[in-house]
Amino acid sequence: MKICVTSDDTAQFTKEEILEAGNLYIVRVPIIINGEAYFQNETIDDATFFKRLASDDDVQTSQPSPGELMELWTKLLKEYDAIIHIPLSSGLSEACNSAKMISQEDEFKGKVFVCDNHRVEPTLRESVRDALKLIKAGYTPEEIQKELIEEGPNSSIYLMVDTLKYLKKGGRVTPAAALLGGALHVKPILAIFGGKLDAYQKVIGSKKGRKVLIDAIRKDMNEKFKGIDKKDLYFGAAYTNNKEEAEEFIKEAAKELDVDSFELRPLSLVVSTHTGPGVLALTLTKKAPIK
């Protein structure tokens, strides 16, 4: 079978990576600022976005256009036998449920396989990578969907934010997490549990916060992923509007955890809408096994 993968731009693949994959296609997620839609790398750049966010403009996000998604799938099914669609977790976005509904339309039923494995950026990107590898290994669409959903929980995301202001505004945190922070110099540490951002810890100052992030990954390496070779794990890191600090941090993290490196990428502007600036995050993801 000829199979392709679709996802949205929160997966943060570069144009070069998309071209190299050959069978990866991305739908756009709109950022709504004062009622007007913008798209990352098309109609708004990072500097302008963070300026608008800091000025307390009304910045929101929406799900990818259902019409745009349907148009893409229709076009792709002229070339491919099946589509694996990997959206942002249903716990954080309606995009997943919308895609599921569309996939049941007559022209897509049995051809489009939506994978709700509760992944969010940046571990969503690893799901896409796994899907591409499973396709190359000869897996069927049903097998790929099953594998991605089963492997969904085998990931960890821990992030330190400057403020909970933006997450509270968007309703993206649990009530427990919303109680963190507020005091001067307090750094809330959050984790992804079941597709929602939840409380993990709070510390005073960034230095202690960075240590908590590293210790959280170390704990998961020793417990959640005990016995799994490091080569079978993805080590990731993310930031928003603080690249130099992030680059320094991942060197520290790699040394502390005795790993070669962390793949560092900025969070998409879509996700940054809800986290705000100044985020540091570490992620750990088990690679899907190829039989």
C-alpha atoms as a PDB file:
ATOM      1  CA  MET A   1       0.000   0.000   0.000  1.00  0.00           C
ATOM      2  CA  LYS A   2       1.024   3.563  -0.595  1.00  0.00           C
ATOM      3  CA  ILE A   3       0.526   5.439   2.701  1.00  0.00           C
ATOM      4  CA  CYS A   4       1.159   9.039   3.744  1.00  0.00           C
ATOM      5  CA  VAL A   5       1.034  10.952   7.025  1.00  0.00           C
ATOM      6  CA  THR A   6      -0.778  14.188   7.781  1.00  0.00           C
ATOM      7  CA  SER A   7      -0.442  16.317  10.903  1.00  0.00           C
ATOM      8  CA  ASP A   8      -0.631  20.001  11.792  1.00  0.00           C
ATOM      9  CA  ASP A   9       2.065  22.618  12.125  1.00  0.00           C
ATOM     10  CA  THR A  10       2.387  22.175  15.897  1.00  0.00           C
ATOM     11  CA  ALA A  11       4.479  19.118  14.964  1.00  0.00           C
ATOM     12  CA  GLN A  12       7.114  21.701  13.943  1.00  0.00           C
ATOM     13  CA  PHE A  13       8.664  20.055  10.918  1.00  0.00           C
ATOM     14  CA  THR A  14      10.811  22.247   8.720  1.00  0.00           C
ATOM     15  CA  LYS A  15      10.150  22.578   4.985  1.00  0.00           C
ATOM     16  CA  GLU A  16      13.358  20.638   4.360  1.00  0.00           C
ATOM     17  CA  GLU A  17      12.242  17.756   6.602  1.00  0.00           C
ATOM     18  CA  ILE A  18       8.843  17.606   4.898  1.00  0.00           C
ATOM     19  CA  LEU A  19      10.470  17.455   1.471  1.00  0.00           C
ATOM     20  CA  GLU A  20      12.923  14.791   2.649  1.00  0.00           C
ATOM     21  CA  ALA A  21      10.122  12.596   4.032  1.00  0.00           C
ATOM     22  CA  GLY A  22       8.276  12.733   0.733  1.00  0.00           C
ATOM     23  CA  ASN A  23       4.987  11.475   2.185  1.00  0.00           C
ATOM     24  CA  LEU A  24       4.386  13.970   5.005  1.00  0.00           C
ATOM     25  CA  TYR A  25       1.807  16.748   4.670  1.00  0.00           C
ATOM     26  CA  ILE A  26       0.955  19.511   7.146  1.00  0.00           C
ATOM     27  CA  VAL A  27      -2.264  21.466   7.714  1.00  0.00           C
ATOM     28  CA  ARG A  28      -2.109  24.986   9.113  1.00  0.00           C
ATOM     29  CA  VAL A  29      -3.392  26.012  12.543  1.00  0.00           C
ATOM     30  CA  PRO A  30      -4.624  29.618  12.678  1.00  0.00           C
ATOM     31  CA  ILE A  31      -3.603  32.094  15.365  1.00  0.00           C
ATOM     32  CA  ILE A  32      -6.378  34.626  15.932  1.00  0.00           C
ATOM     33  CA  ILE A  33      -5.224  38.111  17.014  1.00  0.00           C
ATOM     34  CA  ASN A  34      -7.958  40.660  17.644  1.00  0.00           C
ATOM     35  CA  GLY A  35     -10.255  38.619  15.423  1.00  0.00           C
ATOM     36  CA  GLU A  36      -7.855  38.314  12.463  1.00  0.00           C
ATOM     37  CA  ALA A  37      -6.307  34.975  11.440  1.00  0.00           C
ATOM     38  CA  TYR A  38      -2.535  34.600  11.071  1.00  0.00           C
ATOM     39  CA  PHE A  39      -0.353  31.626  10.156  1.00  0.00           C
ATOM     40  CA  GLN A  40       3.144  30.899  11.430  1.00  0.00           C
ATOM     41  CA  ASN A  41       5.907  31.394   8.843  1.00  0.00           C
ATOM     42  CA  GLU A  42       3.353  32.813   6.405  1.00  0.00           C
ATOM     43  CA  THR A  43       1.654  35.951   7.724  1.00  0.00           C
ATOM     44  CA  ILE A  44       3.321  36.466  11.114  1.00  0.00           C
ATOM     45  CA  ASP A  45       6.889  36.060  12.357  1.00  0.00           C
ATOM     46  CA  ASP A  46       8.086  35.219  15.860  1.00  0.00           C
ATOM     47  CA  ALA A  47       9.121  38.757  16.830  1.00  0.00           C
ATOM     48  CA  THR A  48       5.771  40.232  15.821  1.00  0.00           C
ATOM     49  CA  PHE A  49       3.852  37.455  17.534  1.00  0.00           C
ATOM     50  CA  PHE A  50       5.564  37.862  20.915  1.00  0.00           C
ATOM     51  CA  LYS A  51       5.207  41.643  20.692  1.00  0.00           C
ATOM     52  CA  ARG A  52       1.460  41.250  20.141  1.00  0.00           C
ATOM     53  CA  LEU A  53       1.241  38.704  22.966  1.00  0.00           C
ATOM     54  CA  ALA A  54       3.077  41.028  25.388  1.00  0.00           C
ATOM     55  CA  SER A  55       0.849  43.974  24.468  1.00  0.00           C
ATOM     56  CA  ASP A  56      -2.192  42.097  25.764  1.00  0.00           C
ATOM     57  CA  ASP A  57      -3.841  41.865  22.382  1.00  0.00           C
ATOM     58  CA  ASP A  58      -6.587  39.255  22.227  1.00  0.00           C
ATOM     59  CA  VAL A  59      -4.536  36.265  21.059  1.00  0.00           C
ATOM     60  CA  GLN A  60      -6.278  32.927  20.627  1.00  0.00           C
ATOM     61  CA  THR A  61      -5.917  29.767  18.565  1.00  0.00           C
ATOM     62  CA  SER A  62      -8.344  27.754  16.533  1.00  0.00           C
ATOM     63  CA  GLN A  63      -8.315  24.276  15.042  1.00  0.00           C
ATOM     64  CA  PRO A  64      -7.218  23.694  11.451  1.00  0.00           C
ATOM     65  CA  SER A  65      -9.899  24.531   8.931  1.00  0.00           C
ATOM     66  CA  PRO A  66     -12.092  21.420   8.360  1.00  0.00           C
ATOM     67  CA  GLY A  67     -12.460  22.505   4.747  1.00  0.00           C
ATOM     68  CA  GLU A  68      -8.692  22.756   4.297  1.00  0.00           C
ATOM     69  CA  LEU A  69      -8.231  19.319   5.888  1.00  0.00           C
ATOM     70  CA  MET A  70     -10.898  17.734   3.676  1.00  0.00           C
ATOM     71  CA  GLU A  71      -9.381  19.338   0.595  1.00  0.00           C
ATOM     72  CA  LEU A  72      -5.935  17.993   1.494  1.00  0.00           C
ATOM     73  CA  TRP A  73      -7.207  14.461   2.163  1.00  0.00           C
ATOM     74  CA  THR A  74      -9.214  14.427  -1.065  1.00  0.00           C
ATOM     75  CA  LYS A  75      -6.154  15.466  -3.040  1.00  0.00           C
ATOM     76  CA  LEU A  76      -3.874  12.946  -1.312  1.00  0.00           C
ATOM     77  CA  LEU A  77      -6.233  10.002  -1.828  1.00  0.00           C
ATOM     78  CA  LYS A  78      -5.777  10.429  -5.578  1.00  0.00           C
ATOM     79  CA  GLU A  79      -2.143   9.435  -5.029  1.00  0.00           C
ATOM     80  CA  TYR A  80      -2.188   7.369  -1.830  1.00  0.00           C
ATOM     81  CA  ASP A  81      -4.191   4.329  -0.694  1.00  0.00           C
ATOM     82  CA  ALA A  82      -4.404   5.462   2.942  1.00  0.00           C
ATOM     83  CA  ILE A  83      -3.659   8.392   5.225  1.00  0.00           C
ATOM     84  CA  ILE A  84      -2.416   8.317   8.823  1.00  0.00           C
ATOM     85  CA  HIS A  85      -3.557  11.538  10.503  1.00  0.00           C
ATOM     86  CA  ILE A  86      -1.849  12.531  13.766  1.00  0.00           C
ATOM     87  CA  PRO A  87      -3.468  15.587  15.374  1.00  0.00           C
ATOM     88  CA  LEU A  88      -2.807  17.411  18.621  1.00  0.00           C
ATOM     89  CA  SER A  89      -4.193  15.562  21.659  1.00  0.00           C
ATOM     90  CA  SER A  90      -7.969  15.629  22.101  1.00  0.00           C
ATOM     91  CA  GLY A  91      -7.247  16.731  25.675  1.00  0.00           C
ATOM     92  CA  LEU A  92      -5.989  20.102  24.442  1.00  0.00           C
ATOM     93  CA  SER A  93      -7.729  20.682  21.133  1.00  0.00           C
ATOM     94  CA  GLU A  94     -10.994  19.953  19.356  1.00  0.00           C
ATOM     95  CA  ALA A  95      -8.990  19.340  16.177  1.00  0.00           C
ATOM     96  CA  CYS A  96      -8.756  15.626  16.947  1.00  0.00           C
ATOM     97  CA  ASN A  97     -12.486  15.090  17.384  1.00  0.00           C
ATOM     98  CA  SER A  98     -13.177  17.164  14.288  1.00  0.00           C
ATOM     99  CA  ALA A  99     -10.741  15.036  12.260  1.00  0.00           C
ATOM    100  CA  LYS A 100     -12.372  11.851  13.565  1.00  0.00           C
ATOM    101  CA  MET A 101     -15.792  13.046  12.420  1.00  0.00           C
ATOM    102  CA  ILE A 102     -14.505  14.026   8.976  1.00  0.00           C
ATOM    103  CA  SER A 103     -12.729  10.671   8.592  1.00  0.00           C
ATOM    104  CA  GLN A 104     -16.112   8.917   8.826  1.00  0.00           C
ATOM    105  CA  GLU A 105     -17.427  10.667   5.725  1.00  0.00           C
ATOM    106  CA  ASP A 106     -17.998   8.231   2.844  1.00  0.00           C
ATOM    107  CA  GLU A 107     -15.056   9.458   0.780  1.00  0.00           C
ATOM    108  CA  PHE A 108     -12.614   9.000   3.702  1.00  0.00           C
ATOM    109  CA  LYS A 109     -14.012   6.044   5.669  1.00  0.00           C
ATOM    110  CA  GLY A 110     -11.569   3.143   5.747  1.00  0.00           C
ATOM    111  CA  LYS A 111      -8.908   5.282   4.083  1.00  0.00           C
ATOM    112  CA  VAL A 112      -8.088   7.905   6.734  1.00  0.00           C
ATOM    113  CA  PHE A 113      -6.893   6.632  10.114  1.00  0.00           C
ATOM    114  CA  VAL A 114      -6.927   9.252  12.901  1.00  0.00           C
ATOM    115  CA  CYS A 115      -4.538   8.551  15.776  1.00  0.00           C
ATOM    116  CA  ASP A 116      -5.565  10.143  19.063  1.00  0.00           C
ATOM    117  CA  ASN A 117      -2.580   9.116  21.158  1.00  0.00           C
ATOM    118  CA  HIS A 118      -2.751  12.158  23.474  1.00  0.00           C
ATOM    119  CA  ARG A 119       0.530  13.580  22.247  1.00  0.00           C
ATOM    120  CA  VAL A 120       1.283  17.298  22.171  1.00  0.00           C
ATOM    121  CA  GLU A 121       4.194  19.276  20.869  1.00  0.00           C
ATOM    122  CA  PRO A 122       7.041  18.339  20.942  1.00  0.00           C
ATOM    123  CA  THR A 123       6.257  14.597  21.458  1.00  0.00           C
ATOM    124  CA  LEU A 124       3.666  14.857  18.683  1.00  0.00           C
ATOM    125  CA  ARG A 125       6.607  15.199  16.299  1.00  0.00           C
ATOM    126  CA  GLU A 126       7.998  11.876  17.505  1.00  0.00           C
ATOM    127  CA  SER A 127       4.672  10.175  16.730  1.00  0.00           C
ATOM    128  CA  VAL A 128       4.906  11.473  13.172  1.00  0.00           C
ATOM    129  CA  ARG A 129       8.471  10.200  12.885  1.00  0.00           C
ATOM    130  CA  ASP A 130       7.391   6.808  14.201  1.00  0.00           C
ATOM    131  CA  ALA A 131       4.539   6.656  11.686  1.00  0.00           C
ATOM    132  CA  LEU A 132       6.913   7.382   8.806  1.00  0.00           C
ATOM    133  CA  LYS A 133       9.258   4.615   9.976  1.00  0.00           C
ATOM    134  CA  LEU A 134       6.399   2.129  10.373  1.00  0.00           C
ATOM    135  CA  ILE A 135       5.261   2.889   6.818  1.00  0.00           C
ATOM    136  CA  LYS A 136       8.760   2.173   5.511  1.00  0.00           C
ATOM    137  CA  ALA A 137       8.791  -1.077   7.501  1.00  0.00           C
ATOM    138  CA  GLY A 138       5.671  -2.248   5.668  1.00  0.00           C
ATOM    139  CA  TYR A 139       3.044  -1.903   8.398  1.00  0.00           C
ATOM    140  CA  THR A 140      -0.612  -1.626   7.360  1.00  0.00           C
ATOM    141  CA  PRO A 141      -2.611   1.526   8.239  1.00  0.00           C
ATOM    142  CA  GLU A 142      -4.518  -0.402  10.908  1.00  0.00           C
ATOM    143  CA  GLU A 143      -1.269  -1.647  12.446  1.00  0.00           C
ATOM    144  CA  ILE A 144       0.266   1.828  12.417  1.00  0.00           C
ATOM    145  CA  GLN A 145      -2.794   3.366  14.071  1.00  0.00           C
ATOM    146  CA  LYS A 146      -2.804   0.650  16.743  1.00  0.00           C
ATOM    147  CA  GLU A 147       0.935   1.001  17.375  1.00  0.00           C
ATOM    148  CA  LEU A 148       0.801   4.798  17.720  1.00  0.00           C
ATOM    149  CA  ILE A 149      -2.149   4.702  20.115  1.00  0.00           C
ATOM    150  CA  GLU A 150      -0.528   1.987  22.247  1.00  0.00           C
ATOM    151  CA  GLU A 151       2.769   3.876  22.366  1.00  0.00           C
ATOM    152  CA  GLY A 152       1.090   7.221  23.124  1.00  0.00           C
ATOM    153  CA  PRO A 153       1.567   7.078  26.926  1.00  0.00           C
ATOM    154  CA  ASN A 154       5.273   6.255  26.544  1.00  0.00           C
ATOM    155  CA  SER A 155       6.356   9.868  26.623  1.00  0.00           C
ATOM    156  CA  SER A 156       7.051  12.578  29.172  1.00  0.00           C
ATOM    157  CA  ILE A 157       6.936  16.359  28.967  1.00  0.00           C
ATOM    158  CA  TYR A 158       8.067  18.649  31.775  1.00  0.00           C
ATOM    159  CA  LEU A 159       8.105  22.407  31.337  1.00  0.00           C
ATOM    160  CA  MET A 160       8.904  25.492  33.352  1.00  0.00           C
ATOM    161  CA  VAL A 161       6.877  28.594  32.554  1.00  0.00           C
ATOM    162  CA  ASP A 162       7.397  32.215  33.555  1.00  0.00           C
ATOM    163  CA  THR A 163       3.718  32.727  34.273  1.00  0.00           C
ATOM    164  CA  LEU A 164       0.443  30.828  34.213  1.00  0.00           C
ATOM    165  CA  LYS A 165      -1.349  33.883  32.845  1.00  0.00           C
ATOM    166  CA  TYR A 166      -1.697  32.551  29.314  1.00  0.00           C
ATOM    167  CA  LEU A 167      -2.498  28.964  30.281  1.00  0.00           C
ATOM    168  CA  LYS A 168      -5.223  30.102  32.653  1.00  0.00           C
ATOM    169  CA  LYS A 169      -6.671  32.348  29.975  1.00  0.00           C
ATOM    170  CA  GLY A 170      -6.944  29.475  27.533  1.00  0.00           C
ATOM    171  CA  GLY A 171      -8.221  26.972  30.089  1.00  0.00           C
ATOM    172  CA  ARG A 172      -5.367  24.595  29.242  1.00  0.00           C
ATOM    173  CA  VAL A 173      -4.404  23.673  32.806  1.00  0.00           C
ATOM    174  CA  THR A 174      -6.087  21.609  35.482  1.00  0.00           C
ATOM    175  CA  PRO A 175      -7.429  23.387  38.598  1.00  0.00           C
ATOM    176  CA  ALA A 176      -4.481  22.019  40.591  1.00  0.00           C
ATOM    177  CA  ALA A 177      -1.974  23.500  38.179  1.00  0.00           C
ATOM    178  CA  ALA A 178      -3.781  26.837  38.156  1.00  0.00           C
ATOM    179  CA  LEU A 179      -2.969  27.220  41.852  1.00  0.00           C
ATOM    180  CA  LEU A 180       0.770  27.214  41.167  1.00  0.00           C
ATOM    181  CA  GLY A 181       2.700  30.436  40.705  1.00  0.00           C
ATOM    182  CA  GLY A 182       1.508  33.943  41.369  1.00  0.00           C
ATOM    183  CA  ALA A 183       4.283  34.931  43.764  1.00  0.00           C
ATOM    184  CA  LEU A 184       7.377  36.821  42.682  1.00  0.00           C
ATOM    185  CA  HIS A 185      10.171  34.566  41.306  1.00  0.00           C
ATOM    186  CA  VAL A 186       8.037  31.411  41.653  1.00  0.00           C
ATOM    187  CA  LYS A 187       8.531  29.135  38.656  1.00  0.00           C
ATOM    188  CA  PRO A 188       5.679  26.679  38.064  1.00  0.00           C
ATOM    189  CA  ILE A 189       6.808  23.285  36.756  1.00  0.00           C
ATOM    190  CA  LEU A 190       4.133  21.502  34.756  1.00  0.00           C
ATOM    191  CA  ALA A 191       3.815  18.060  33.222  1.00  0.00           C
ATOM    192  CA  ILE A 192       1.594  16.459  30.635  1.00  0.00           C
ATOM    193  CA  PHE A 193      -0.746  13.911  32.177  1.00  0.00           C
ATOM    194  CA  GLY A 194      -3.461  12.461  29.926  1.00  0.00           C
ATOM    195  CA  GLY A 195      -3.243  15.235  27.390  1.00  0.00           C
ATOM    196  CA  LYS A 196      -3.695  18.040  29.943  1.00  0.00           C
ATOM    197  CA  LEU A 197      -1.121  20.268  31.580  1.00  0.00           C
ATOM    198  CA  ASP A 198      -1.020  19.450  35.269  1.00  0.00           C
ATOM    199  CA  ALA A 199       0.898  20.594  38.324  1.00  0.00           C
ATOM    200  CA  TYR A 200       4.252  18.963  38.975  1.00  0.00           C
ATOM    201  CA  GLN A 201       6.171  21.247  41.321  1.00  0.00           C
ATOM    202  CA  LYS A 202       6.919  24.891  42.017  1.00  0.00           C
ATOM    203  CA  VAL A 203      10.301  26.362  42.816  1.00  0.00           C
ATOM    204  CA  ILE A 204      11.918  29.692  43.514  1.00  0.00           C
ATOM    205  CA  GLY A 205      14.090  30.799  40.627  1.00  0.00           C
ATOM    206  CA  SER A 206      15.070  29.434  37.223  1.00  0.00           C
ATOM    207  CA  LYS A 207      18.189  27.636  38.469  1.00  0.00           C
ATOM    208  CA  LYS A 208      16.156  25.387  40.764  1.00  0.00           C
ATOM    209  CA  GLY A 209      13.558  25.001  38.043  1.00  0.00           C
ATOM    210  CA  ARG A 210      16.114  23.687  35.582  1.00  0.00           C
ATOM    211  CA  LYS A 211      17.291  21.150  38.159  1.00  0.00           C
ATOM    212  CA  VAL A 212      13.713  19.927  38.669  1.00  0.00           C
ATOM    213  CA  LEU A 213      13.300  19.413  34.912  1.00  0.00           C
ATOM    214  CA  ILE A 214      16.520  17.405  34.688  1.00  0.00           C
ATOM    215  CA  ASP A 215      15.647  15.343  37.779  1.00  0.00           C
ATOM    216  CA  ALA A 216      12.184  14.585  36.376  1.00  0.00           C
ATOM    217  CA  ILE A 217      13.694  13.192  33.168  1.00  0.00           C
ATOM    218  CA  ARG A 218      16.265  11.231  35.159  1.00  0.00           C
ATOM    219  CA  LYS A 219      13.499   9.696  37.271  1.00  0.00           C
ATOM    220  CA  ASP A 220      11.566   8.625  34.184  1.00  0.00           C
ATOM    221  CA  MET A 221      14.705   7.137  32.626  1.00  0.00           C
ATOM    222  CA  ASN A 222      15.214   5.071  35.778  1.00  0.00           C
ATOM    223  CA  GLU A 223      11.603   4.139  36.442  1.00  0.00           C
ATOM    224  CA  LYS A 224       9.096   4.677  33.624  1.00  0.00           C
ATOM    225  CA  PHE A 225      11.620   3.648  30.940  1.00  0.00           C
ATOM    226  CA  LYS A 226      13.727   1.303  33.059  1.00  0.00           C
ATOM    227  CA  GLY A 227      15.669  -1.190  31.009  1.00  0.00           C
ATOM    228  CA  ILE A 228      15.198   0.676  27.722  1.00  0.00           C
ATOM    229  CA  ASP A 229      18.414   1.509  25.896  1.00  0.00           C
ATOM    230  CA  LYS A 230      19.041   5.220  25.396  1.00  0.00           C
ATOM    231  CA  LYS A 231      19.218   4.678  21.639  1.00  0.00           C
ATOM    232  CA  ASP A 232      15.549   3.655  21.757  1.00  0.00           C
ATOM    233  CA  LEU A 233      14.519   6.963  23.347  1.00  0.00           C
ATOM    234  CA  TYR A 234      14.019  10.419  21.856  1.00  0.00           C
ATOM    235  CA  PHE A 235      15.477  13.207  24.008  1.00  0.00           C
ATOM    236  CA  GLY A 236      13.857  16.538  23.175  1.00  0.00           C
ATOM    237  CA  ALA A 237      13.812  20.109  24.438  1.00  0.00           C
ATOM    238  CA  ALA A 238      11.764  23.196  23.652  1.00  0.00           C
ATOM    239  CA  TYR A 239      11.652  26.899  24.412  1.00  0.00           C
ATOM    240  CA  THR A 240       9.735  30.066  23.651  1.00  0.00           C
ATOM    241  CA  ASN A 241      11.576  33.273  22.812  1.00  0.00           C
ATOM    242  CA  ASN A 242      14.652  32.371  24.902  1.00  0.00           C
ATOM    243  CA  LYS A 243      16.932  30.407  22.563  1.00  0.00           C
ATOM    244  CA  GLU A 244      20.277  31.281  24.166  1.00  0.00           C
ATOM    245  CA  GLU A 245      19.089  30.225  27.620  1.00  0.00           C
ATOM    246  CA  ALA A 246      17.685  27.004  26.148  1.00  0.00           C
ATOM    247  CA  GLU A 247      20.929  26.166  24.328  1.00  0.00           C
ATOM    248  CA  GLU A 248      22.870  26.581  27.560  1.00  0.00           C
ATOM    249  CA  PHE A 249      20.304  24.506  29.446  1.00  0.00           C
ATOM    250  CA  ILE A 250      20.357  21.478  27.132  1.00  0.00           C
ATOM    251  CA  LYS A 251      24.156  21.271  27.398  1.00  0.00           C
ATOM    252  CA  GLU A 252      23.742  21.097  31.158  1.00  0.00           C
ATOM    253  CA  ALA A 253      20.944  18.522  30.851  1.00  0.00           C
ATOM    254  CA  ALA A 254      22.879  16.294  28.446  1.00  0.00           C
ATOM    255  CA  LYS A 255      25.904  16.298  30.754  1.00  0.00           C
ATOM    256  CA  GLU A 256      23.848  15.596  33.880  1.00  0.00           C
ATOM    257  CA  LEU A 257      21.925  12.747  32.240  1.00  0.00           C
ATOM    258  CA  ASP A 258      24.870  11.334  30.283  1.00  0.00           C
ATOM    259  CA  VAL A 259      23.177  11.524  26.886  1.00  0.00           C
ATOM    260  CA  ASP A 260      24.630  12.710  23.611  1.00  0.00           C
ATOM    261  CA  SER A 261      22.272  15.630  23.169  1.00  0.00           C
ATOM    262  CA  PHE A 262      18.720  16.943  23.319  1.00  0.00           C
ATOM    263  CA  GLU A 263      17.021  17.946  20.087  1.00  0.00           C
ATOM    264  CA  LEU A 264      16.115  21.589  20.671  1.00  0.00           C
ATOM    265  CA  ARG A 265      13.325  23.376  18.812  1.00  0.00           C
ATOM    266  CA  PRO A 266      11.144  26.387  19.552  1.00  0.00           C
ATOM    267  CA  LEU A 267       7.557  25.714  20.465  1.00  0.00           C
ATOM    268  CA  SER A 268       5.155  26.604  17.676  1.00  0.00           C
ATOM    269  CA  LEU A 269       3.456  29.980  17.917  1.00  0.00           C
ATOM    270  CA  VAL A 270       0.173  28.089  18.347  1.00  0.00           C
ATOM    271  CA  VAL A 271       1.427  26.457  21.560  1.00  0.00           C
ATOM    272  CA  SER A 272       3.285  29.630  22.598  1.00  0.00           C
ATOM    273  CA  THR A 273      -0.076  31.410  22.604  1.00  0.00           C
ATOM    274  CA  HIS A 274      -0.984  29.325  25.641  1.00  0.00           C
ATOM    275  CA  THR A 275       2.388  29.019  27.395  1.00  0.00           C
ATOM    276  CA  GLY A 276       3.668  32.558  26.889  1.00  0.00           C
ATOM    277  CA  PRO A 277       7.364  33.495  26.594  1.00  0.00           C
ATOM    278  CA  GLY A 278      10.246  32.163  28.685  1.00  0.00           C
ATOM    279  CA  VAL A 279       9.400  28.447  28.576  1.00  0.00           C
ATOM    280  CA  LEU A 280      11.991  25.724  29.034  1.00  0.00           C
ATOM    281  CA  ALA A 281      10.947  22.120  28.486  1.00  0.00           C
ATOM    282  CA  LEU A 282      12.488  18.657  28.396  1.00  0.00           C
ATOM    283  CA  THR A 283      10.843  15.646  26.823  1.00  0.00           C
ATOM    284  CA  LEU A 284      11.504  11.930  26.793  1.00  0.00           C
ATOM    285  CA  THR A 285       9.787   9.595  24.346  1.00  0.00           C
ATOM    286  CA  LYS A 286      10.115   5.892  23.670  1.00  0.00           C
ATOM    287  CA  LYS A 287      10.520   5.096  19.995  1.00  0.00           C
ATOM    288  CA  ALA A 288       7.873   2.806  18.528  1.00  0.00           C
ATOM    289  CA  PRO A 289       9.335  -0.694  18.122  1.00  0.00           C
ATOM    290  CA  ILE A 290       9.800  -1.893  14.558  1.00  0.00           C
ATOM    291  CA  LYS A 291       9.245  -5.648  14.320  1.00  0.00           C
END
